[in-house]
Amino acid sequence: MQILVTGATGYVGGRLVPRLLRRGHDVRVFVRDPARVSNRPWGDQVEVFRGDMSDPASVRAALEGMDAAFYLVHAMGHSEDFAATDRQWAHTFVAAAAECPTLRKTVYLGGLLPEVDEARSRHLSSRAEVGEILRAGTPTLEFRAGPVIGSGSASFEMVRYLTERLPAMIAPRWIRNRVQPVGVRSVLVYLCEGVEREGATGIVEIGADRLSFRDMMLQYAEVRGLKRLIVPVPILAPSLAGRWVGLVTPITKAVAIPLVEGIVHPVLADTTRAQELFPDNEPMTYREAVRLALQRVDEGQVMTRWSGALGSAPAYRFEDREGMAQEIRTRWVKAAPEQVYRSFASLGGRRGWRVWGPLWRLRGFVDQLVGGPGLRRGRRHPVDLEQGEAVDFWRVEEARAPELLRLRAEMKVPGRAWLQWEAIPEDRGTRLIQTASFVPFGVPGALYWYGAYPAHRFIFDDLVDAVVDDAEAGIPGLHEVA
């Protein structure tokens, strides 16, 4: 078959493409940035079509001559009103599909829904709405899945980090609600067989074991040989729980909150139709999916990660290797690199550090008490920077407009620290990468870094968001800031 895959750089899409190729299909991938495909092992085996879901002409051209299409895109993290963007994309796709006489089927991966409509989160409601639009406008097979478990998936990473890092925890009692996770390998089999099955359309719910989220953590602990204590208590709102997950794990709160909202109410699959249509696909158990995911992590064979999709929710990554700890945050910014560079290059001095001002001032005061420069040095110019000059308690180590700015810390710390921003052109905008790095000196350095880590999560999260806001809105009044 001639198959179009949208979302080919995402978690599921990046794993689906090589499976379709192995099954003998010709694959065209629809991407905003072809460079994101070129380094994939299968990059030279597919036809790469550059386009944008918000551009009807490019969607029509991408569908031309296709027998089937996978709809694997979503806008959460791409825009503030992701539901409106998802709605627009789906209508654009349906209109383009209506003009493609060869297209016989669209396959869509959505999410399982609670039985009560009022219990649906904003994210799950949007996914369901997209499915309704697709089914109403073009022959569509919609798979609905619960938490997808595999190496690098957001649900697996959330379980893994919570269980590994917290020997004992109190948790909201709704973690006893049953959900129905499914291994990513099983999902991929359903998708491949679904696109090949003639006449199979409508909704098909898929899932494996029926477990509570508490059971998911405890079974993970058993696989890893860990002893864990989880005590449910009648507190902790979903939004607060999502923020807690964002603090303890690499999953950002923008992703963690929808994940948490998806387990606040029981969400179970009716797999009757899945068993009728695909009797040979017996989903692997949750325990099997965990074992396989851990094996892939240990082997360094993680094909895709939850944070890898272009325009995905804001990504956070913590690394501690070869003596250097790094917190890496990325955002896609709807602004030119010059605007983004201007935004982060203007930090410090009289303008300040945009967020958590009292904490920055307290840090500067403490630094002065122990003999450091504190914040009193300010900066020479409100925007322009030159290599070697001072910015508060930082020193400009490299300034290469409009691409990169790296500051080296000169405050008194038991180690060496840097704060760096990069502005990389991407998809009619800019990929902003903010990296905080620290090389500790002995035990005092390690204690300092990990002691400051909780505060860093909030401060640096808000800092990169402020840089994005300033870049997209423009920075007023800089001529008044010295």
Protein backbone atom coordinates (compact mmCIF):
# COMPACT_ATOMS: atom_id res chain seq x y z
CA MET A 1 0.00 0.00 0.00
CA GLN A 2 0.91 3.66 -0.42
CA ILE A 3 0.67 4.99 3.13
CA LEU A 4 1.02 8.52 4.53
CA VAL A 5 2.19 8.84 8.14
CA THR A 6 1.60 12.15 9.90
CA GLY A 7 3.37 12.59 13.22
CA ALA A 8 6.28 10.45 12.01
CA THR A 9 8.71 12.18 14.39
CA GLY A 10 6.51 11.45 17.41
CA TYR A 11 6.73 8.63 19.92
CA VAL A 12 4.39 6.20 18.14
CA GLY A 13 4.94 7.43 14.58
CA GLY A 14 8.71 7.04 14.81
CA ARG A 15 8.25 3.36 15.70
CA LEU A 16 5.43 2.70 13.28
CA VAL A 17 7.26 3.73 10.11
CA PRO A 18 9.95 0.99 10.18
CA ARG A 19 7.27 -1.65 10.90
CA LEU A 20 5.26 -0.54 7.88
CA LEU A 21 8.40 -0.71 5.74
CA ARG A 22 9.14 -4.24 6.95
CA ARG A 23 5.61 -5.25 5.96
CA GLY A 24 6.32 -4.13 2.39
CA HIS A 25 4.44 -0.83 2.26
CA ASP A 26 5.63 2.35 0.55
CA VAL A 27 5.66 5.12 3.15
CA ARG A 28 5.44 8.88 2.77
CA VAL A 29 6.04 10.89 5.97
CA PHE A 30 4.48 14.31 6.50
CA VAL A 31 6.80 16.48 8.58
CA ARG A 32 7.40 20.15 9.28
CA ASP A 33 11.18 19.76 9.40
CA PRO A 34 12.77 17.13 7.11
CA ALA A 35 16.00 17.34 9.11
CA ARG A 36 14.19 15.53 11.91
CA VAL A 37 13.87 12.47 9.67
CA SER A 38 17.24 12.43 7.93
CA ASN A 39 19.10 10.87 10.87
CA ARG A 40 16.55 8.09 11.45
CA PRO A 41 17.66 4.58 10.43
CA TRP A 42 14.73 4.50 8.01
CA GLY A 43 15.17 8.06 6.76
CA ASP A 44 16.41 7.06 3.31
CA GLN A 45 13.67 4.45 2.84
CA VAL A 46 10.70 6.82 2.91
CA GLU A 47 9.43 9.70 0.84
CA VAL A 48 9.70 12.86 2.92
CA PHE A 49 7.01 15.49 2.37
CA ARG A 50 7.45 18.84 4.06
CA GLY A 51 4.23 20.50 5.11
CA ASP A 52 2.10 21.83 7.93
CA MET A 53 -1.26 20.58 9.21
CA SER A 54 -2.55 24.15 9.25
CA ASP A 55 -1.84 24.52 5.51
CA PRO A 56 -4.67 22.89 3.46
CA ALA A 57 -2.67 22.92 0.23
CA SER A 58 0.23 20.97 1.73
CA VAL A 59 -2.13 18.41 3.32
CA ARG A 60 -3.89 17.87 -0.03
CA ALA A 61 -0.58 17.43 -1.81
CA ALA A 62 0.68 14.98 0.82
CA LEU A 63 -2.43 12.79 0.47
CA GLU A 64 -2.26 12.66 -3.32
CA GLY A 65 -1.98 9.04 -4.53
CA MET A 66 -2.15 7.55 -1.01
CA ASP A 67 -4.19 4.43 -0.25
CA ALA A 68 -4.27 5.04 3.51
CA ALA A 69 -3.09 7.55 6.10
CA PHE A 70 -2.18 7.51 9.77
CA TYR A 71 -3.36 10.53 11.75
CA LEU A 72 -0.92 10.70 14.68
CA VAL A 73 -0.60 14.44 15.30
CA HIS A 74 -1.89 16.47 18.21
CA ALA A 75 -1.39 20.05 19.29
CA MET A 76 -0.97 19.75 23.07
CA GLY A 77 2.02 21.94 23.84
CA HIS A 78 2.00 23.42 20.35
CA SER A 79 -0.43 26.17 21.31
CA GLU A 80 -2.25 27.46 24.38
CA ASP A 81 -5.66 26.49 23.00
CA PHE A 82 -4.58 23.06 21.78
CA ALA A 83 -8.20 21.86 21.47
CA ALA A 84 -8.98 24.58 18.91
CA THR A 85 -5.80 23.79 16.98
CA ASP A 86 -6.57 20.05 17.02
CA ARG A 87 -10.07 20.81 15.75
CA GLN A 88 -8.72 22.96 12.93
CA TRP A 89 -6.13 20.36 11.90
CA ALA A 90 -8.74 17.59 11.83
CA HIS A 91 -11.14 19.61 9.66
CA THR A 92 -8.26 20.52 7.33
CA PHE A 93 -7.33 16.85 6.99
CA VAL A 94 -10.92 15.75 6.34
CA ALA A 95 -11.39 18.41 3.65
CA ALA A 96 -8.16 17.31 1.95
CA ALA A 97 -9.12 13.62 2.21
CA ALA A 98 -12.42 14.34 0.45
CA GLU A 99 -10.43 15.51 -2.58
CA CYS A 100 -8.24 12.39 -2.65
CA PRO A 101 -10.02 9.64 -4.66
CA THR A 102 -7.43 6.96 -3.86
CA LEU A 103 -7.64 7.29 -0.06
CA ARG A 104 -9.55 4.32 1.34
CA LYS A 105 -8.89 4.61 5.06
CA THR A 106 -7.51 6.80 7.84
CA VAL A 107 -6.19 5.22 11.03
CA TYR A 108 -6.24 7.36 14.17
CA LEU A 109 -4.88 6.68 17.65
CA GLY A 110 -6.91 8.32 20.39
CA GLY A 111 -7.47 7.72 24.09
CA LEU A 112 -9.87 5.72 26.23
CA LEU A 113 -12.65 7.79 27.80
CA PRO A 114 -14.30 7.65 31.25
CA GLU A 115 -17.90 6.47 31.22
CA VAL A 116 -19.11 9.81 32.60
CA ASP A 117 -18.69 12.74 30.19
CA GLU A 118 -18.11 15.17 33.08
CA ALA A 119 -15.08 13.12 34.11
CA ARG A 120 -13.27 13.72 30.82
CA SER A 121 -10.17 15.87 31.00
CA ARG A 122 -9.64 18.67 28.48
CA HIS A 123 -6.98 16.55 26.78
CA LEU A 124 -9.16 13.41 26.47
CA SER A 125 -12.14 15.47 25.30
CA SER A 126 -10.02 16.98 22.54
CA ARG A 127 -8.75 13.56 21.43
CA ALA A 128 -12.34 12.28 21.27
CA GLU A 129 -13.47 15.33 19.29
CA VAL A 130 -10.72 14.76 16.72
CA GLY A 131 -11.89 11.16 16.32
CA GLU A 132 -15.46 12.31 15.78
CA ILE A 133 -14.40 14.80 13.09
CA LEU A 134 -12.32 12.20 11.26
CA ARG A 135 -14.99 9.48 11.39
CA ALA A 136 -17.67 11.90 10.18
CA GLY A 137 -15.64 13.09 7.22
CA THR A 138 -13.65 10.09 5.94
CA PRO A 139 -13.57 6.28 6.48
CA THR A 140 -11.65 6.08 9.76
CA LEU A 141 -10.51 3.34 12.09
CA GLU A 142 -10.06 4.90 15.53
CA PHE A 143 -8.08 2.96 18.10
CA ARG A 144 -8.57 4.12 21.68
CA ALA A 145 -5.81 3.23 24.14
CA GLY A 146 -5.03 3.88 27.78
CA PRO A 147 -1.51 4.58 29.11
CA VAL A 148 1.02 3.37 26.51
CA ILE A 149 3.92 1.53 28.15
CA GLY A 150 7.26 1.32 26.38
CA SER A 151 10.80 2.58 26.67
CA GLY A 152 10.69 6.36 26.48
CA SER A 153 6.90 6.71 26.71
CA ALA A 154 5.57 9.42 29.03
CA SER A 155 3.45 6.97 31.06
CA PHE A 156 6.36 4.56 31.52
CA GLU A 157 8.76 7.38 32.46
CA MET A 158 6.30 8.68 35.03
CA VAL A 159 5.94 5.26 36.66
CA ARG A 160 9.67 4.58 36.45
CA TYR A 161 10.88 7.81 38.05
CA LEU A 162 8.23 7.92 40.77
CA THR A 163 8.95 4.32 41.76
CA GLU A 164 12.74 4.54 41.51
CA ARG A 165 13.12 7.84 43.37
CA LEU A 166 10.54 7.50 46.16
CA PRO A 167 10.89 4.48 48.50
CA ALA A 168 7.73 5.62 50.28
CA MET A 169 5.05 8.03 49.19
CA ILE A 170 1.61 9.29 50.05
CA ALA A 171 -0.65 9.55 47.05
CA PRO A 172 -4.25 10.57 46.33
CA ARG A 173 -6.71 7.75 46.86
CA TRP A 174 -7.78 7.93 43.22
CA ILE A 175 -4.57 6.08 42.35
CA ARG A 176 -6.67 3.04 43.29
CA ASN A 177 -8.89 3.67 40.24
CA ARG A 178 -8.42 1.04 37.58
CA VAL A 179 -6.98 1.92 34.19
CA GLN A 180 -5.95 -0.27 31.28
CA PRO A 181 -2.36 0.22 30.10
CA VAL A 182 -1.12 -1.33 26.88
CA GLY A 183 2.39 -2.07 25.63
CA VAL A 184 3.59 0.06 22.73
CA ARG A 185 4.54 -3.09 20.81
CA SER A 186 0.91 -4.27 20.99
CA VAL A 187 -0.29 -0.83 19.86
CA LEU A 188 1.98 -0.99 16.82
CA VAL A 189 0.63 -4.41 15.85
CA TYR A 190 -2.93 -3.09 16.06
CA LEU A 191 -2.04 -0.09 13.89
CA CYS A 192 -0.33 -2.18 11.22
CA GLU A 193 -3.08 -4.79 11.08
CA GLY A 194 -5.75 -2.11 11.23
CA VAL A 195 -4.55 -0.29 8.14
CA GLU A 196 -4.41 -3.59 6.23
CA ARG A 197 -7.83 -4.89 7.32
CA GLU A 198 -10.37 -4.18 4.58
CA GLY A 199 -13.60 -2.62 5.79
CA ALA A 200 -12.46 -2.17 9.40
CA THR A 201 -13.62 1.28 10.51
CA GLY A 202 -15.22 2.82 13.58
CA ILE A 203 -13.98 2.72 17.16
CA VAL A 204 -11.83 -0.11 18.53
CA GLU A 205 -10.79 0.04 22.18
CA ILE A 206 -7.55 -1.72 23.10
CA GLY A 207 -5.84 -2.59 26.36
CA ALA A 208 -4.24 -5.33 28.43
CA ASP A 209 -4.38 -5.77 32.23
CA ARG A 210 -6.87 -3.84 34.29
CA LEU A 211 -4.74 -2.27 37.01
CA SER A 212 -4.77 0.70 39.34
CA PHE A 213 -1.95 3.21 38.99
CA ARG A 214 -0.81 2.03 42.40
CA ASP A 215 -0.61 -1.54 41.04
CA MET A 216 1.39 -0.24 38.07
CA MET A 217 4.00 1.25 40.40
CA LEU A 218 4.12 -1.81 42.66
CA GLN A 219 4.47 -4.22 39.73
CA TYR A 220 7.27 -2.06 38.35
CA ALA A 221 8.95 -2.24 41.76
CA GLU A 222 8.65 -6.03 41.76
CA VAL A 223 10.24 -6.28 38.32
CA ARG A 224 13.12 -4.10 39.54
CA GLY A 225 13.43 -5.93 42.88
CA LEU A 226 12.48 -2.82 44.89
CA LYS A 227 10.47 -2.51 48.10
CA ARG A 228 8.01 0.36 47.94
CA LEU A 229 5.34 1.73 50.29
CA ILE A 230 2.42 3.67 48.76
CA VAL A 231 -0.20 5.07 51.12
CA PRO A 232 -3.38 6.52 49.51
CA VAL A 233 -4.84 9.60 51.22
CA PRO A 234 -7.97 11.65 50.37
CA ILE A 235 -6.04 14.75 49.27
CA LEU A 236 -4.07 16.15 46.35
CA ALA A 237 -5.95 17.67 43.43
CA PRO A 238 -5.02 16.45 39.94
CA SER A 239 -3.33 19.73 39.00
CA LEU A 240 -1.25 19.66 42.19
CA ALA A 241 -0.41 16.00 41.65
CA GLY A 242 0.66 16.81 38.09
CA ARG A 243 2.97 19.54 39.36
CA TRP A 244 4.44 17.09 41.87
CA VAL A 245 5.08 14.58 39.08
CA GLY A 246 6.71 17.38 37.09
CA LEU A 247 9.01 18.09 40.04
CA VAL A 248 10.07 14.49 40.75
CA THR A 249 10.29 13.17 37.19
CA PRO A 250 11.62 14.46 33.84
CA ILE A 251 8.00 14.78 32.65
CA THR A 252 7.05 18.46 32.46
CA LYS A 253 3.91 19.65 34.20
CA ALA A 254 2.38 20.43 30.79
CA VAL A 255 2.49 16.68 30.04
CA ALA A 256 2.18 15.37 33.60
CA ILE A 257 -1.11 17.11 34.38
CA PRO A 258 -3.00 15.52 31.41
CA LEU A 259 -1.48 12.14 32.31
CA VAL A 260 -2.67 12.47 35.89
CA GLU A 261 -6.11 13.68 34.81
CA GLY A 262 -6.39 10.51 32.75
CA ILE A 263 -6.30 8.30 35.86
CA VAL A 264 -8.42 10.40 38.22
CA HIS A 265 -11.44 8.37 37.10
CA PRO A 266 -11.62 4.69 36.11
CA VAL A 267 -10.88 4.36 32.39
CA LEU A 268 -11.33 0.84 31.03
CA ALA A 269 -11.53 -0.62 27.55
CA ASP A 270 -14.25 -2.78 26.06
CA THR A 271 -11.95 -4.98 23.99
CA THR A 272 -14.73 -7.10 22.46
CA ARG A 273 -14.41 -5.57 19.00
CA ALA A 274 -10.61 -5.69 19.13
CA GLN A 275 -10.77 -9.43 19.81
CA GLU A 276 -13.25 -9.95 16.96
CA LEU A 277 -11.26 -7.98 14.36
CA PHE A 278 -7.76 -8.97 15.49
CA PRO A 279 -8.07 -12.37 17.19
CA ASP A 280 -4.36 -13.16 16.77
CA ASN A 281 -3.16 -10.01 18.53
CA GLU A 282 -3.05 -10.88 22.22
CA PRO A 283 -1.70 -7.76 23.98
CA MET A 284 1.33 -8.34 26.16
CA THR A 285 0.77 -7.98 29.89
CA TYR A 286 1.78 -4.84 31.73
CA ARG A 287 4.58 -6.73 33.48
CA GLU A 288 5.91 -7.95 30.12
CA ALA A 289 5.78 -4.42 28.71
CA VAL A 290 7.75 -3.10 31.71
CA ARG A 291 10.40 -5.82 31.38
CA LEU A 292 10.82 -5.10 27.67
CA ALA A 293 10.99 -1.33 28.24
CA LEU A 294 13.67 -1.72 30.94
CA GLN A 295 15.65 -4.03 28.66
CA ARG A 296 15.61 -1.41 25.90
CA VAL A 297 16.70 1.29 28.36
CA ASP A 298 19.56 -0.85 29.68
CA GLU A 299 20.70 -1.64 26.14
CA GLY A 300 20.49 1.99 25.06
CA GLN A 301 18.02 0.98 22.34
CA VAL A 302 15.24 3.50 22.99
CA MET A 303 13.93 4.24 19.48
CA THR A 304 11.74 7.23 20.33
CA ARG A 305 10.94 9.28 23.43
CA TRP A 306 7.87 11.17 24.57
CA SER A 307 9.76 14.49 24.25
CA GLY A 308 11.02 13.85 20.72
CA ALA A 309 8.04 15.12 18.74
CA LEU A 310 8.51 18.43 16.95
CA GLY A 311 6.30 21.02 18.56
CA SER A 312 5.52 18.68 21.43
CA ALA A 313 4.88 19.83 24.96
CA PRO A 314 7.78 21.70 26.52
CA ALA A 315 10.56 19.21 27.12
CA TYR A 316 12.77 18.78 30.17
CA ARG A 317 15.73 16.46 30.47
CA PHE A 318 18.10 15.89 33.40
CA GLU A 319 21.47 14.33 32.72
CA ASP A 320 24.25 13.41 35.12
CA ARG A 321 27.19 11.92 33.28
CA GLU A 322 30.97 12.14 33.22
CA GLY A 323 31.03 14.44 36.24
CA MET A 324 28.64 17.07 34.82
CA ALA A 325 24.99 17.51 35.79
CA GLN A 326 22.71 19.28 33.32
CA GLU A 327 19.11 20.44 33.27
CA ILE A 328 18.02 20.89 29.65
CA ARG A 329 14.77 22.59 28.71
CA THR A 330 13.47 23.10 25.19
CA ARG A 331 10.61 25.15 23.79
CA TRP A 332 9.34 25.89 20.31
CA VAL A 333 8.92 29.66 19.97
CA LYS A 334 6.72 31.45 17.48
CA ALA A 335 9.37 34.07 16.81
CA ALA A 336 12.53 34.56 14.76
CA PRO A 337 15.91 33.57 16.26
CA GLU A 338 16.87 37.26 16.46
CA GLN A 339 13.86 37.96 18.70
CA VAL A 340 14.59 34.92 20.87
CA TYR A 341 18.26 35.87 21.26
CA ARG A 342 17.28 39.43 22.19
CA SER A 343 14.97 38.01 24.85
CA PHE A 344 17.57 35.95 26.73
CA ALA A 345 20.48 38.31 26.00
CA SER A 346 18.68 41.13 27.81
CA LEU A 347 18.38 39.27 31.14
CA GLY A 348 20.11 40.66 34.22
CA GLY A 349 21.11 44.15 35.26
CA ARG A 350 18.30 46.56 36.03
CA ARG A 351 15.87 44.44 34.05
CA GLY A 352 16.50 41.54 36.39
CA TRP A 353 15.89 37.84 35.77
CA ARG A 354 12.17 38.10 34.99
CA VAL A 355 10.93 35.46 37.46
CA TRP A 356 11.35 34.75 41.16
CA GLY A 357 12.99 38.14 41.67
CA PRO A 358 13.22 37.88 45.49
CA LEU A 359 15.08 34.57 45.22
CA TRP A 360 17.58 36.01 42.73
CA ARG A 361 18.14 38.99 45.04
CA LEU A 362 18.53 36.69 48.05
CA ARG A 363 21.05 34.59 46.12
CA GLY A 364 22.98 37.74 45.25
CA PHE A 365 22.94 38.94 48.87
CA VAL A 366 24.21 35.57 50.15
CA ASP A 367 26.92 35.58 47.49
CA GLN A 368 28.11 39.01 48.65
CA LEU A 369 28.20 37.82 52.27
CA VAL A 370 30.61 35.01 51.35
CA GLY A 371 32.81 37.21 49.23
CA GLY A 372 31.23 36.88 45.78
CA PRO A 373 30.16 39.69 43.42
CA GLY A 374 26.44 39.27 43.98
CA LEU A 375 24.13 41.18 41.66
CA ARG A 376 25.81 44.56 42.18
CA ARG A 377 27.87 44.50 38.96
CA GLY A 378 24.81 44.76 36.72
CA ARG A 379 25.55 44.89 33.00
CA ARG A 380 27.13 47.29 30.51
CA HIS A 381 24.30 47.50 27.96
CA PRO A 382 20.61 46.50 28.15
CA VAL A 383 20.82 44.15 25.14
CA ASP A 384 24.28 43.91 23.58
CA LEU A 385 26.81 41.52 25.12
CA GLU A 386 30.47 40.92 24.43
CA GLN A 387 32.57 37.94 25.35
CA GLY A 388 34.32 38.40 28.69
CA GLU A 389 32.07 41.06 30.19
CA ALA A 390 30.12 40.72 33.44
CA VAL A 391 26.37 40.27 33.86
CA ASP A 392 25.56 40.38 37.60
CA PHE A 393 27.34 37.32 39.07
CA TRP A 394 27.90 35.76 35.64
CA ARG A 395 30.66 36.20 33.06
CA VAL A 396 29.90 36.03 29.32
CA GLU A 397 31.87 33.03 28.11
CA GLU A 398 30.46 33.07 24.59
CA ALA A 399 28.02 35.38 22.80
CA ARG A 400 27.22 34.55 19.19
CA ALA A 401 24.12 36.43 18.05
CA PRO A 402 21.54 35.26 17.13
CA GLU A 403 22.51 31.67 17.93
CA LEU A 404 24.06 31.19 21.35
CA LEU A 405 24.78 32.80 24.70
CA ARG A 406 26.73 31.04 27.46
CA LEU A 407 27.27 32.54 30.90
CA ARG A 408 29.79 31.17 33.42
CA ALA A 409 28.92 31.59 37.08
CA GLU A 410 31.26 33.68 39.23
CA MET A 411 29.20 33.44 42.41
CA LYS A 412 30.75 31.40 45.22
CA VAL A 413 29.71 27.79 44.67
CA PRO A 414 31.45 24.45 45.37
CA GLY A 415 31.91 23.72 41.68
CA ARG A 416 31.67 25.29 38.24
CA ALA A 417 28.33 26.37 36.77
CA TRP A 418 27.06 27.64 33.42
CA LEU A 419 23.75 28.87 32.03
CA GLN A 420 23.35 28.66 28.26
CA TRP A 421 20.69 29.43 25.65
CA GLU A 422 20.57 28.38 22.00
CA ALA A 423 18.20 29.71 19.32
CA ILE A 424 17.86 27.31 16.36
CA PRO A 425 15.59 28.06 13.36
CA GLU A 426 12.82 25.48 13.15
CA ASP A 427 9.43 25.26 11.43
CA ARG A 428 8.85 28.99 10.80
CA GLY A 429 9.94 29.71 14.33
CA THR A 430 12.78 28.91 16.69
CA ARG A 431 13.78 25.99 18.89
CA LEU A 432 14.97 27.46 22.20
CA ILE A 433 17.29 25.28 24.28
CA GLN A 434 18.15 26.39 27.81
CA THR A 435 20.84 24.38 29.63
CA ALA A 436 21.98 24.77 33.24
CA SER A 437 25.25 22.86 33.83
CA PHE A 438 27.20 22.15 37.00
CA VAL A 439 30.46 20.34 37.70
CA PRO A 440 30.55 19.69 41.47
CA PHE A 441 33.72 19.80 43.57
CA GLY A 442 33.53 16.72 45.80
CA VAL A 443 30.73 15.93 48.24
CA PRO A 444 30.00 19.62 49.08
CA GLY A 445 29.39 20.28 45.40
CA ALA A 446 27.03 17.33 45.01
CA LEU A 447 25.11 18.34 48.15
CA TYR A 448 24.85 21.91 46.89
CA TRP A 449 23.52 20.93 43.46
CA TYR A 450 20.99 18.36 44.57
CA GLY A 451 19.95 20.55 47.48
CA ALA A 452 19.16 23.34 45.05
CA TYR A 453 17.54 21.00 42.53
CA PRO A 454 13.90 21.42 43.71
CA ALA A 455 14.22 25.21 43.53
CA HIS A 456 15.90 24.97 40.13
CA ARG A 457 12.93 23.04 38.73
CA PHE A 458 10.60 25.95 39.43
CA ILE A 459 13.00 28.83 38.73
CA PHE A 460 14.45 27.51 35.47
CA ASP A 461 11.07 26.26 34.23
CA ASP A 462 9.60 29.72 34.71
CA LEU A 463 12.71 31.41 33.32
CA VAL A 464 12.58 29.61 29.98
CA ASP A 465 8.83 30.30 29.78
CA ALA A 466 9.49 34.00 30.40
CA VAL A 467 12.09 34.04 27.62
CA VAL A 468 9.49 32.53 25.27
CA ASP A 469 6.83 35.06 26.31
CA ASP A 470 9.18 37.99 25.79
CA ALA A 471 10.34 36.72 22.41
CA GLU A 472 6.78 36.23 21.13
CA ALA A 473 5.42 39.47 22.56
CA GLY A 474 8.47 41.67 22.06
CA ILE A 475 10.39 43.30 24.89
CA PRO A 476 9.03 46.77 25.59
CA GLY A 477 11.00 49.53 27.25
CA LEU A 478 14.51 48.15 26.84
CA HIS A 479 15.77 51.64 26.00
CA GLU A 480 14.76 52.62 29.54
CA VAL A 481 16.73 49.78 31.15
CA ALA A 482 20.43 50.38 31.80
